[in-house]
Amino acid sequence: MFGWLAHAFATVRSSADTAAWTISRSSVRIDGTTLAARLPLLGGVLYLPACASSRPARELAPGWLVTRLDLAPLLQTEELRASSMIGADGPREWIDCFDASGAFCARLHLLPDTDYLAWDALLAGGTPLPAAPVCPGEVACKAAIAQLLRFRTTRMASLDVLDTLPLGQLSSLGRGIARDVARAAAVSLAPAFD
């Protein structure tokens, strides 16, 4: 399940050194509507929505619609927790979205194809959190599926609409990272092309 992580440990450090590996983390307070408005700037990302069974149904933010049910939790986001680590195959960065009660909503995973400047702008002003040890609970998440996509917002009458687009072209490194992340989360990876 965590093959890429185990491989990273085996190839870079001896098993005695793995306890020293950590994940850098920070927290950003942001409401779901601000997040939704900024998501299209990221370009291509790997999106891992929370399992529907683990989240209670809630109303959408006023003035917003979603084209897919698994996008609704993004509008309920109140906090982003950004995490980064270095593995044998390079850096990994992701953002976990949490609602006001602290429930996991979704994960966005940075890809080589993501707009790094927009990613950094989204996380600007974050508060550093204590580093966490690299462990399956920090790396995996309770997601329903892993999807390669781009976000889009449109206007319909007086409502804002959060939607997605196919990712289109994806680098081979991005495909490899997406496969590894999906494997670590124990979910299937939806195709990048429609």
N, C-alpha and C. Protein backbone atom coordinates (compact mmCIF):
# COMPACT_ATOMS: atom_id res chain seq x y z
N MET A 1 0.81 -1.19 0.00
CA MET A 1 0.00 0.00 0.00
C MET A 1 0.86 1.26 0.00
N PHE A 2 1.89 1.30 0.76
CA PHE A 2 2.76 2.47 0.81
C PHE A 2 4.11 2.14 0.17
N GLY A 3 4.04 1.51 -1.00
CA GLY A 3 5.23 1.03 -1.69
C GLY A 3 6.23 2.12 -2.00
N TRP A 4 5.76 3.26 -2.52
CA TRP A 4 6.72 4.30 -2.87
C TRP A 4 7.42 4.84 -1.64
N LEU A 5 6.70 4.91 -0.52
CA LEU A 5 7.30 5.40 0.72
C LEU A 5 8.32 4.39 1.25
N ALA A 6 7.98 3.12 1.23
CA ALA A 6 8.91 2.09 1.66
C ALA A 6 10.14 2.07 0.76
N HIS A 7 9.92 2.24 -0.55
CA HIS A 7 11.03 2.29 -1.48
C HIS A 7 11.94 3.48 -1.17
N ALA A 8 11.32 4.62 -0.85
CA ALA A 8 12.12 5.81 -0.52
C ALA A 8 12.98 5.56 0.70
N PHE A 9 12.41 4.92 1.70
CA PHE A 9 13.19 4.63 2.90
C PHE A 9 14.34 3.68 2.59
N ALA A 10 14.07 2.66 1.82
CA ALA A 10 15.08 1.64 1.55
C ALA A 10 16.21 2.16 0.68
N THR A 11 15.91 3.05 -0.26
CA THR A 11 16.94 3.49 -1.18
C THR A 11 17.73 4.69 -0.69
N VAL A 12 17.16 5.50 0.17
CA VAL A 12 17.85 6.70 0.59
C VAL A 12 18.51 6.55 1.96
N ARG A 13 17.86 5.92 2.89
CA ARG A 13 18.39 5.78 4.24
C ARG A 13 18.23 4.36 4.72
N SER A 14 19.05 3.99 5.65
CA SER A 14 18.86 2.68 6.25
C SER A 14 17.62 2.71 7.11
N SER A 15 17.10 1.55 7.45
CA SER A 15 15.86 1.50 8.23
C SER A 15 16.02 2.15 9.59
N ALA A 16 17.21 2.21 10.12
CA ALA A 16 17.44 2.85 11.42
C ALA A 16 17.27 4.36 11.34
N ASP A 17 17.47 4.92 10.14
CA ASP A 17 17.38 6.38 9.99
C ASP A 17 15.98 6.88 9.69
N THR A 18 15.04 6.01 9.37
CA THR A 18 13.72 6.47 8.93
C THR A 18 12.96 7.21 10.02
N ALA A 19 13.26 6.98 11.26
CA ALA A 19 12.57 7.70 12.34
C ALA A 19 12.89 9.19 12.30
N ALA A 20 13.99 9.56 11.66
CA ALA A 20 14.39 10.96 11.60
C ALA A 20 13.66 11.71 10.48
N TRP A 21 12.98 11.02 9.55
CA TRP A 21 12.27 11.67 8.46
C TRP A 21 11.06 12.40 9.00
N THR A 22 10.81 13.60 8.50
CA THR A 22 9.66 14.38 8.96
C THR A 22 8.94 15.02 7.77
N ILE A 23 7.73 15.42 8.05
CA ILE A 23 6.91 16.16 7.10
C ILE A 23 6.76 17.57 7.63
N SER A 24 7.14 18.55 6.82
CA SER A 24 6.95 19.96 7.19
C SER A 24 5.50 20.31 6.93
N ARG A 25 4.90 21.08 7.85
CA ARG A 25 3.48 21.40 7.73
C ARG A 25 3.21 22.85 8.09
N SER A 26 2.12 23.37 7.53
CA SER A 26 1.65 24.71 7.89
C SER A 26 0.13 24.74 7.75
N SER A 27 -0.50 25.72 8.38
CA SER A 27 -1.94 25.86 8.36
C SER A 27 -2.32 27.23 7.82
N VAL A 28 -3.34 27.24 6.97
CA VAL A 28 -3.86 28.49 6.39
C VAL A 28 -5.36 28.51 6.63
N ARG A 29 -5.86 29.57 7.24
CA ARG A 29 -7.30 29.75 7.42
C ARG A 29 -7.84 30.37 6.13
N ILE A 30 -8.86 29.73 5.56
CA ILE A 30 -9.46 30.21 4.32
C ILE A 30 -10.88 29.66 4.24
N ASP A 31 -11.80 30.48 3.76
CA ASP A 31 -13.17 29.96 3.62
C ASP A 31 -13.30 29.28 2.26
N GLY A 32 -14.27 28.40 2.17
CA GLY A 32 -14.45 27.58 0.98
C GLY A 32 -14.70 28.36 -0.30
N THR A 33 -15.39 29.49 -0.20
CA THR A 33 -15.67 30.24 -1.42
C THR A 33 -14.40 30.91 -1.95
N THR A 34 -13.54 31.39 -1.06
CA THR A 34 -12.26 31.96 -1.48
C THR A 34 -11.39 30.87 -2.09
N LEU A 35 -11.37 29.70 -1.46
CA LEU A 35 -10.62 28.57 -2.00
C LEU A 35 -11.13 28.21 -3.40
N ALA A 36 -12.44 28.08 -3.55
CA ALA A 36 -13.02 27.70 -4.85
C ALA A 36 -12.65 28.71 -5.93
N ALA A 37 -12.65 29.99 -5.60
CA ALA A 37 -12.30 31.02 -6.57
C ALA A 37 -10.84 30.93 -6.99
N ARG A 38 -9.97 30.44 -6.12
CA ARG A 38 -8.53 30.36 -6.42
C ARG A 38 -8.10 29.04 -7.06
N LEU A 39 -8.91 28.01 -6.93
CA LEU A 39 -8.52 26.69 -7.45
C LEU A 39 -8.19 26.68 -8.94
N PRO A 40 -8.93 27.38 -9.81
CA PRO A 40 -8.59 27.35 -11.24
C PRO A 40 -7.18 27.86 -11.55
N LEU A 41 -6.63 28.69 -10.70
CA LEU A 41 -5.29 29.23 -10.93
C LEU A 41 -4.21 28.16 -10.82
N LEU A 42 -4.50 27.06 -10.12
CA LEU A 42 -3.50 26.01 -9.90
C LEU A 42 -3.16 25.23 -11.16
N GLY A 43 -4.06 25.19 -12.12
CA GLY A 43 -3.83 24.32 -13.28
C GLY A 43 -4.06 22.88 -12.87
N GLY A 44 -3.26 21.97 -13.40
CA GLY A 44 -3.45 20.55 -13.14
C GLY A 44 -3.04 20.13 -11.74
N VAL A 45 -3.90 19.38 -11.08
CA VAL A 45 -3.63 18.83 -9.75
C VAL A 45 -4.18 17.41 -9.67
N LEU A 46 -3.77 16.70 -8.65
CA LEU A 46 -4.38 15.42 -8.32
C LEU A 46 -5.34 15.70 -7.18
N TYR A 47 -6.62 15.40 -7.40
CA TYR A 47 -7.69 15.70 -6.44
C TYR A 47 -8.16 14.41 -5.80
N LEU A 48 -8.15 14.37 -4.46
CA LEU A 48 -8.60 13.21 -3.71
C LEU A 48 -9.72 13.65 -2.77
N PRO A 49 -10.99 13.53 -3.20
CA PRO A 49 -12.11 13.93 -2.34
C PRO A 49 -12.34 12.91 -1.23
N ALA A 50 -12.84 13.37 -0.10
CA ALA A 50 -13.15 12.49 1.02
C ALA A 50 -14.26 11.52 0.62
N CYS A 51 -14.26 10.36 1.23
CA CYS A 51 -15.34 9.39 1.03
C CYS A 51 -16.65 10.02 1.47
N ALA A 52 -17.68 9.90 0.65
CA ALA A 52 -18.98 10.49 0.97
C ALA A 52 -19.54 9.93 2.27
N SER A 53 -19.28 8.68 2.56
CA SER A 53 -19.81 8.06 3.78
C SER A 53 -19.17 8.61 5.05
N SER A 54 -18.00 9.24 4.91
CA SER A 54 -17.33 9.77 6.10
C SER A 54 -17.67 11.23 6.36
N ARG A 55 -18.52 11.83 5.50
CA ARG A 55 -18.86 13.24 5.64
C ARG A 55 -20.37 13.42 5.71
N PRO A 56 -20.85 14.16 6.69
CA PRO A 56 -22.29 14.45 6.72
C PRO A 56 -22.65 15.42 5.59
N ALA A 57 -23.84 15.28 5.05
CA ALA A 57 -24.31 16.19 3.99
C ALA A 57 -24.57 17.57 4.59
N ARG A 58 -24.10 18.59 3.92
CA ARG A 58 -24.29 19.97 4.38
C ARG A 58 -24.73 20.83 3.21
N GLU A 59 -25.29 21.95 3.54
CA GLU A 59 -25.70 22.89 2.50
C GLU A 59 -24.48 23.53 1.87
N LEU A 60 -24.62 23.91 0.60
CA LEU A 60 -23.54 24.61 -0.08
C LEU A 60 -23.45 26.04 0.42
N ALA A 61 -22.32 26.65 0.18
CA ALA A 61 -22.14 28.06 0.52
C ALA A 61 -23.13 28.89 -0.30
N PRO A 62 -23.71 29.91 0.30
CA PRO A 62 -24.67 30.75 -0.44
C PRO A 62 -24.04 31.32 -1.70
N GLY A 63 -24.80 31.26 -2.80
CA GLY A 63 -24.33 31.82 -4.06
C GLY A 63 -23.47 30.88 -4.89
N TRP A 64 -23.30 29.63 -4.45
CA TRP A 64 -22.45 28.67 -5.17
C TRP A 64 -23.20 27.40 -5.52
N LEU A 65 -22.81 26.82 -6.66
CA LEU A 65 -23.27 25.52 -7.10
C LEU A 65 -22.04 24.68 -7.45
N VAL A 66 -22.20 23.37 -7.45
CA VAL A 66 -21.15 22.48 -7.92
C VAL A 66 -21.73 21.58 -9.01
N THR A 67 -20.91 21.19 -9.96
CA THR A 67 -21.38 20.31 -11.03
C THR A 67 -21.24 18.85 -10.66
N ARG A 68 -20.48 18.57 -9.62
CA ARG A 68 -20.28 17.19 -9.14
C ARG A 68 -20.37 17.20 -7.63
N LEU A 69 -21.02 16.20 -7.09
CA LEU A 69 -21.21 16.12 -5.64
C LEU A 69 -19.90 16.09 -4.87
N ASP A 70 -18.86 15.47 -5.42
CA ASP A 70 -17.59 15.36 -4.69
C ASP A 70 -16.82 16.69 -4.62
N LEU A 71 -17.33 17.74 -5.25
CA LEU A 71 -16.71 19.07 -5.14
C LEU A 71 -17.30 19.88 -3.99
N ALA A 72 -18.48 19.50 -3.52
CA ALA A 72 -19.16 20.26 -2.47
C ALA A 72 -18.32 20.45 -1.21
N PRO A 73 -17.58 19.44 -0.74
CA PRO A 73 -16.79 19.64 0.48
C PRO A 73 -15.74 20.75 0.37
N LEU A 74 -15.27 21.04 -0.85
CA LEU A 74 -14.31 22.13 -1.01
C LEU A 74 -14.90 23.47 -0.57
N LEU A 75 -16.21 23.64 -0.80
CA LEU A 75 -16.88 24.88 -0.42
C LEU A 75 -17.12 24.96 1.09
N GLN A 76 -16.94 23.86 1.80
CA GLN A 76 -17.09 23.83 3.26
C GLN A 76 -15.75 23.98 3.98
N THR A 77 -14.69 24.14 3.21
CA THR A 77 -13.35 24.24 3.79
C THR A 77 -13.21 25.49 4.65
N GLU A 78 -12.56 25.33 5.78
CA GLU A 78 -12.24 26.45 6.67
C GLU A 78 -10.73 26.53 6.95
N GLU A 79 -10.03 25.43 6.68
CA GLU A 79 -8.59 25.40 6.95
C GLU A 79 -7.89 24.52 5.91
N LEU A 80 -6.73 25.00 5.46
CA LEU A 80 -5.85 24.22 4.62
C LEU A 80 -4.65 23.83 5.46
N ARG A 81 -4.25 22.57 5.38
CA ARG A 81 -3.01 22.14 6.03
C ARG A 81 -2.07 21.66 4.94
N ALA A 82 -1.04 22.43 4.71
CA ALA A 82 -0.06 22.11 3.67
C ALA A 82 1.03 21.23 4.27
N SER A 83 1.42 20.21 3.54
CA SER A 83 2.46 19.29 3.99
C SER A 83 3.46 19.10 2.86
N SER A 84 4.72 18.91 3.23
CA SER A 84 5.75 18.61 2.24
C SER A 84 6.79 17.70 2.86
N MET A 85 7.35 16.85 2.01
CA MET A 85 8.41 15.94 2.43
C MET A 85 9.31 15.66 1.24
N ILE A 86 10.49 15.16 1.52
CA ILE A 86 11.42 14.76 0.48
C ILE A 86 11.54 13.25 0.52
N GLY A 87 11.34 12.61 -0.61
CA GLY A 87 11.49 11.17 -0.73
C GLY A 87 12.61 10.85 -1.68
N ALA A 88 12.81 9.59 -1.98
CA ALA A 88 13.88 9.16 -2.87
C ALA A 88 13.70 9.71 -4.27
N ASP A 89 12.45 9.93 -4.68
CA ASP A 89 12.20 10.44 -6.03
C ASP A 89 11.88 11.93 -6.04
N GLY A 90 12.23 12.63 -4.98
CA GLY A 90 12.08 14.08 -4.96
C GLY A 90 11.04 14.56 -3.97
N PRO A 91 10.71 15.86 -4.03
CA PRO A 91 9.76 16.44 -3.08
C PRO A 91 8.33 16.05 -3.38
N ARG A 92 7.53 15.99 -2.35
CA ARG A 92 6.09 15.78 -2.45
C ARG A 92 5.41 16.86 -1.63
N GLU A 93 4.38 17.48 -2.20
CA GLU A 93 3.61 18.50 -1.49
C GLU A 93 2.13 18.25 -1.71
N TRP A 94 1.35 18.48 -0.65
CA TRP A 94 -0.09 18.34 -0.75
C TRP A 94 -0.76 19.27 0.23
N ILE A 95 -2.04 19.52 -0.03
CA ILE A 95 -2.87 20.36 0.84
C ILE A 95 -4.07 19.53 1.26
N ASP A 96 -4.30 19.43 2.55
CA ASP A 96 -5.51 18.80 3.07
C ASP A 96 -6.49 19.90 3.44
N CYS A 97 -7.74 19.73 3.04
CA CYS A 97 -8.80 20.69 3.32
C CYS A 97 -9.66 20.14 4.47
N PHE A 98 -9.92 20.99 5.46
CA PHE A 98 -10.72 20.60 6.62
C PHE A 98 -11.86 21.59 6.81
N ASP A 99 -13.01 21.09 7.27
CA ASP A 99 -14.14 21.97 7.53
C ASP A 99 -14.05 22.55 8.94
N ALA A 100 -15.06 23.30 9.35
CA ALA A 100 -15.05 23.98 10.65
C ALA A 100 -14.97 23.01 11.82
N SER A 101 -15.47 21.79 11.66
CA SER A 101 -15.42 20.80 12.75
C SER A 101 -14.12 20.00 12.75
N GLY A 102 -13.24 20.29 11.78
CA GLY A 102 -11.97 19.57 11.69
C GLY A 102 -12.04 18.29 10.89
N ALA A 103 -13.17 18.05 10.20
CA ALA A 103 -13.33 16.85 9.38
C ALA A 103 -12.59 17.03 8.04
N PHE A 104 -11.95 15.97 7.59
CA PHE A 104 -11.24 15.97 6.32
C PHE A 104 -12.23 16.11 5.17
N CYS A 105 -11.98 17.06 4.26
CA CYS A 105 -12.84 17.29 3.10
C CYS A 105 -12.23 16.75 1.81
N ALA A 106 -10.95 17.04 1.60
CA ALA A 106 -10.30 16.67 0.35
C ALA A 106 -8.80 16.91 0.45
N ARG A 107 -8.08 16.34 -0.50
CA ARG A 107 -6.64 16.58 -0.61
C ARG A 107 -6.35 17.02 -2.05
N LEU A 108 -5.50 18.01 -2.17
CA LEU A 108 -4.97 18.47 -3.45
C LEU A 108 -3.49 18.15 -3.45
N HIS A 109 -3.03 17.46 -4.49
CA HIS A 109 -1.63 17.07 -4.54
C HIS A 109 -0.93 17.85 -5.65
N LEU A 110 0.18 18.48 -5.31
CA LEU A 110 0.99 19.22 -6.26
C LEU A 110 1.61 18.24 -7.26
N LEU A 111 1.58 18.61 -8.52
CA LEU A 111 2.21 17.84 -9.58
C LEU A 111 3.24 18.73 -10.28
N PRO A 112 4.18 18.14 -11.01
CA PRO A 112 5.11 18.98 -11.78
C PRO A 112 4.37 19.89 -12.76
N ASP A 113 3.13 19.53 -13.09
CA ASP A 113 2.32 20.29 -14.04
C ASP A 113 1.48 21.38 -13.38
N THR A 114 1.51 21.47 -12.06
CA THR A 114 0.76 22.49 -11.32
C THR A 114 1.48 23.83 -11.41
N ASP A 115 0.73 24.92 -11.36
CA ASP A 115 1.33 26.25 -11.34
C ASP A 115 1.88 26.51 -9.93
N TYR A 116 3.18 26.45 -9.79
CA TYR A 116 3.82 26.58 -8.47
C TYR A 116 3.59 27.94 -7.84
N LEU A 117 3.55 29.00 -8.65
CA LEU A 117 3.32 30.34 -8.10
C LEU A 117 1.91 30.45 -7.51
N ALA A 118 0.92 29.90 -8.19
CA ALA A 118 -0.45 29.92 -7.67
C ALA A 118 -0.55 29.07 -6.41
N TRP A 119 0.16 27.94 -6.39
CA TRP A 119 0.20 27.06 -5.20
C TRP A 119 0.75 27.83 -4.01
N ASP A 120 1.89 28.51 -4.21
CA ASP A 120 2.50 29.28 -3.13
C ASP A 120 1.61 30.44 -2.69
N ALA A 121 0.95 31.10 -3.64
CA ALA A 121 0.05 32.21 -3.30
C ALA A 121 -1.13 31.71 -2.46
N LEU A 122 -1.65 30.54 -2.77
CA LEU A 122 -2.76 29.96 -2.01
C LEU A 122 -2.35 29.73 -0.56
N LEU A 123 -1.09 29.39 -0.35
CA LEU A 123 -0.60 29.07 1.00
C LEU A 123 0.08 30.24 1.70
N ALA A 124 0.10 31.39 1.07
CA ALA A 124 0.76 32.57 1.65
C ALA A 124 0.13 32.92 3.00
N GLY A 125 0.97 33.31 3.94
CA GLY A 125 0.49 33.71 5.25
C GLY A 125 0.17 32.55 6.17
N GLY A 126 0.60 31.36 5.81
CA GLY A 126 0.33 30.19 6.64
C GLY A 126 1.10 30.22 7.95
N THR A 127 0.56 29.53 8.93
CA THR A 127 1.19 29.41 10.23
C THR A 127 1.91 28.06 10.30
N PRO A 128 3.22 28.07 10.59
CA PRO A 128 3.94 26.79 10.68
C PRO A 128 3.37 25.92 11.80
N LEU A 129 3.29 24.63 11.53
CA LEU A 129 2.86 23.64 12.51
C LEU A 129 4.07 22.77 12.85
N PRO A 130 4.05 22.10 13.99
CA PRO A 130 5.17 21.21 14.31
C PRO A 130 5.33 20.14 13.23
N ALA A 131 6.58 19.82 12.92
CA ALA A 131 6.84 18.76 11.94
C ALA A 131 6.30 17.45 12.48
N ALA A 132 5.86 16.60 11.57
CA ALA A 132 5.31 15.30 11.95
C ALA A 132 6.21 14.20 11.39
N PRO A 133 6.32 13.08 12.08
CA PRO A 133 7.10 11.98 11.53
C PRO A 133 6.41 11.40 10.29
N VAL A 134 7.19 10.91 9.36
CA VAL A 134 6.63 10.26 8.19
C VAL A 134 6.05 8.93 8.64
N CYS A 135 4.74 8.81 8.50
CA CYS A 135 4.04 7.58 8.86
C CYS A 135 2.84 7.45 7.94
N PRO A 136 2.30 6.23 7.80
CA PRO A 136 1.17 6.05 6.89
C PRO A 136 0.00 6.99 7.15
N GLY A 137 -0.28 7.34 8.40
CA GLY A 137 -1.39 8.23 8.70
C GLY A 137 -1.19 9.64 8.18
N GLU A 138 0.05 10.08 8.08
CA GLU A 138 0.33 11.41 7.54
C GLU A 138 0.35 11.43 6.03
N VAL A 139 0.79 10.33 5.42
CA VAL A 139 0.94 10.29 3.97
C VAL A 139 -0.35 9.91 3.27
N ALA A 140 -1.09 8.96 3.80
CA ALA A 140 -2.34 8.51 3.18
C ALA A 140 -3.50 9.38 3.67
N CYS A 141 -4.60 9.31 2.97
CA CYS A 141 -5.81 10.02 3.41
C CYS A 141 -7.01 9.13 3.09
N LYS A 142 -8.14 9.44 3.70
CA LYS A 142 -9.36 8.65 3.49
C LYS A 142 -10.13 9.25 2.31
N ALA A 143 -9.66 8.91 1.12
CA ALA A 143 -10.25 9.45 -0.09
C ALA A 143 -11.10 8.40 -0.80
N ALA A 144 -12.02 8.89 -1.62
CA ALA A 144 -12.88 8.01 -2.40
C ALA A 144 -12.19 7.59 -3.71
N ILE A 145 -11.43 8.50 -4.30
CA ILE A 145 -10.78 8.27 -5.59
C ILE A 145 -9.70 9.33 -5.77
N ALA A 146 -8.79 9.09 -6.67
CA ALA A 146 -7.77 10.08 -7.05
C ALA A 146 -8.06 10.49 -8.49
N GLN A 147 -8.18 11.79 -8.73
CA GLN A 147 -8.56 12.30 -10.05
C GLN A 147 -7.58 13.35 -10.52
N LEU A 148 -7.09 13.20 -11.73
CA LEU A 148 -6.25 14.21 -12.36
C LEU A 148 -7.16 15.19 -13.07
N LEU A 149 -7.11 16.47 -12.69
CA LEU A 149 -8.06 17.43 -13.24
C LEU A 149 -7.58 18.86 -13.09
N ARG A 150 -8.35 19.76 -13.67
CA ARG A 150 -8.20 21.20 -13.49
C ARG A 150 -9.55 21.71 -13.00
N PHE A 151 -9.53 22.69 -12.12
CA PHE A 151 -10.77 23.29 -11.64
C PHE A 151 -11.15 24.45 -12.53
N ARG A 152 -12.46 24.73 -12.57
CA ARG A 152 -12.96 25.86 -13.34
C ARG A 152 -14.13 26.45 -12.57
N THR A 153 -14.22 27.76 -12.58
CA THR A 153 -15.40 28.43 -12.03
C THR A 153 -16.05 29.21 -13.17
N THR A 154 -17.37 29.17 -13.18
CA THR A 154 -18.14 29.92 -14.16
C THR A 154 -19.27 30.63 -13.44
N ARG A 155 -19.94 31.48 -14.17
CA ARG A 155 -21.06 32.23 -13.62
C ARG A 155 -22.33 31.77 -14.33
N MET A 156 -23.37 31.45 -13.57
CA MET A 156 -24.66 31.06 -14.13
C MET A 156 -25.72 31.91 -13.43
N ALA A 157 -26.30 32.82 -14.18
CA ALA A 157 -27.24 33.79 -13.60
C ALA A 157 -26.51 34.53 -12.48
N SER A 158 -27.00 34.43 -11.25
CA SER A 158 -26.34 35.13 -10.15
C SER A 158 -25.52 34.19 -9.27
N LEU A 159 -25.23 32.98 -9.77
CA LEU A 159 -24.51 31.98 -8.99
C LEU A 159 -23.13 31.70 -9.57
N ASP A 160 -22.19 31.40 -8.70
CA ASP A 160 -20.87 30.92 -9.11
C ASP A 160 -20.93 29.40 -9.12
N VAL A 161 -20.29 28.79 -10.11
CA VAL A 161 -20.33 27.34 -10.28
C VAL A 161 -18.91 26.79 -10.26
N LEU A 162 -18.66 25.82 -9.38
CA LEU A 162 -17.37 25.13 -9.32
C LEU A 162 -17.48 23.87 -10.16
N ASP A 163 -16.57 23.72 -11.09
CA ASP A 163 -16.60 22.62 -12.05
C ASP A 163 -15.16 22.12 -12.25
N THR A 164 -15.00 21.06 -13.03
CA THR A 164 -13.67 20.55 -13.36
C THR A 164 -13.57 20.35 -14.87
N LEU A 165 -12.34 20.28 -15.32
CA LEU A 165 -12.02 20.00 -16.71
C LEU A 165 -11.02 18.85 -16.74
N PRO A 166 -10.97 18.11 -17.85
CA PRO A 166 -9.93 17.09 -17.96
C PRO A 166 -8.56 17.75 -17.92
N LEU A 167 -7.60 17.06 -17.40
CA LEU A 167 -6.26 17.62 -17.27
C LEU A 167 -5.58 17.77 -18.61
N GLY A 168 -5.85 16.89 -19.56
CA GLY A 168 -5.18 16.96 -20.85
C GLY A 168 -3.78 16.39 -20.75
N GLN A 169 -2.81 17.11 -21.26
CA GLN A 169 -1.42 16.64 -21.23
C GLN A 169 -0.90 16.58 -19.81
N LEU A 170 -0.15 15.54 -19.54
CA LEU A 170 0.45 15.35 -18.22
C LEU A 170 1.84 14.78 -18.42
N SER A 171 2.82 15.33 -17.71
CA SER A 171 4.18 14.84 -17.84
C SER A 171 4.29 13.41 -17.31
N SER A 172 5.29 12.69 -17.76
CA SER A 172 5.47 11.31 -17.27
C SER A 172 5.80 11.32 -15.78
N LEU A 173 6.53 12.31 -15.32
CA LEU A 173 6.81 12.42 -13.88
C LEU A 173 5.51 12.65 -13.11
N GLY A 174 4.64 13.51 -13.64
CA GLY A 174 3.35 13.77 -13.01
C GLY A 174 2.50 12.51 -12.94
N ARG A 175 2.49 11.72 -14.04
CA ARG A 175 1.75 10.46 -14.04
C ARG A 175 2.28 9.50 -12.98
N GLY A 176 3.61 9.44 -12.86
CA GLY A 176 4.22 8.55 -11.87
C GLY A 176 3.87 8.97 -10.45
N ILE A 177 3.92 10.26 -10.17
CA ILE A 177 3.57 10.76 -8.84
C ILE A 177 2.10 10.45 -8.54
N ALA A 178 1.23 10.69 -9.52
CA ALA A 178 -0.20 10.43 -9.33
C ALA A 178 -0.45 8.96 -9.03
N ARG A 179 0.20 8.06 -9.75
CA ARG A 179 0.04 6.62 -9.48
C ARG A 179 0.50 6.28 -8.07
N ASP A 180 1.65 6.84 -7.66
CA ASP A 180 2.19 6.54 -6.32
C ASP A 180 1.27 7.07 -5.22
N VAL A 181 0.74 8.27 -5.40
CA VAL A 181 -0.15 8.86 -4.40
C VAL A 181 -1.44 8.05 -4.30
N ALA A 182 -2.01 7.67 -5.45
CA ALA A 182 -3.23 6.86 -5.44
C ALA A 182 -2.98 5.52 -4.74
N ARG A 183 -1.84 4.91 -5.01
CA ARG A 183 -1.50 3.64 -4.37
C ARG A 183 -1.38 3.83 -2.85
N ALA A 184 -0.74 4.90 -2.42
CA ALA A 184 -0.58 5.16 -0.98
C ALA A 184 -1.93 5.40 -0.31
N ALA A 185 -2.87 6.01 -1.03
CA ALA A 185 -4.21 6.27 -0.48
C ALA A 185 -5.14 5.07 -0.66
N ALA A 186 -4.66 4.02 -1.33
CA ALA A 186 -5.44 2.80 -1.58
C ALA A 186 -6.74 3.09 -2.34
N VAL A 187 -6.63 3.96 -3.35
CA VAL A 187 -7.77 4.29 -4.21
C VAL A 187 -7.37 4.13 -5.66
N SER A 188 -8.36 4.04 -6.53
CA SER A 188 -8.06 3.95 -7.96
C SER A 188 -7.79 5.35 -8.50
N LEU A 189 -6.98 5.39 -9.56
CA LEU A 189 -6.64 6.65 -10.21
C LEU A 189 -7.50 6.79 -11.46
N ALA A 190 -8.33 7.84 -11.48
CA ALA A 190 -9.16 8.11 -12.65
C ALA A 190 -8.25 8.58 -13.78
N PRO A 191 -8.59 8.29 -15.03
CA PRO A 191 -7.73 8.69 -16.16
C PRO A 191 -7.63 10.20 -16.27
N ALA A 192 -6.47 10.65 -16.80
CA ALA A 192 -6.22 12.08 -16.96
C ALA A 192 -6.90 12.66 -18.18
N PHE A 193 -7.34 11.82 -19.08
CA PHE A 193 -7.92 12.29 -20.34
C PHE A 193 -9.36 11.84 -20.46
N ASP A 194 -10.22 12.66 -21.03
CA ASP A 194 -11.61 12.27 -21.29
C ASP A 194 -11.79 12.00 -22.76
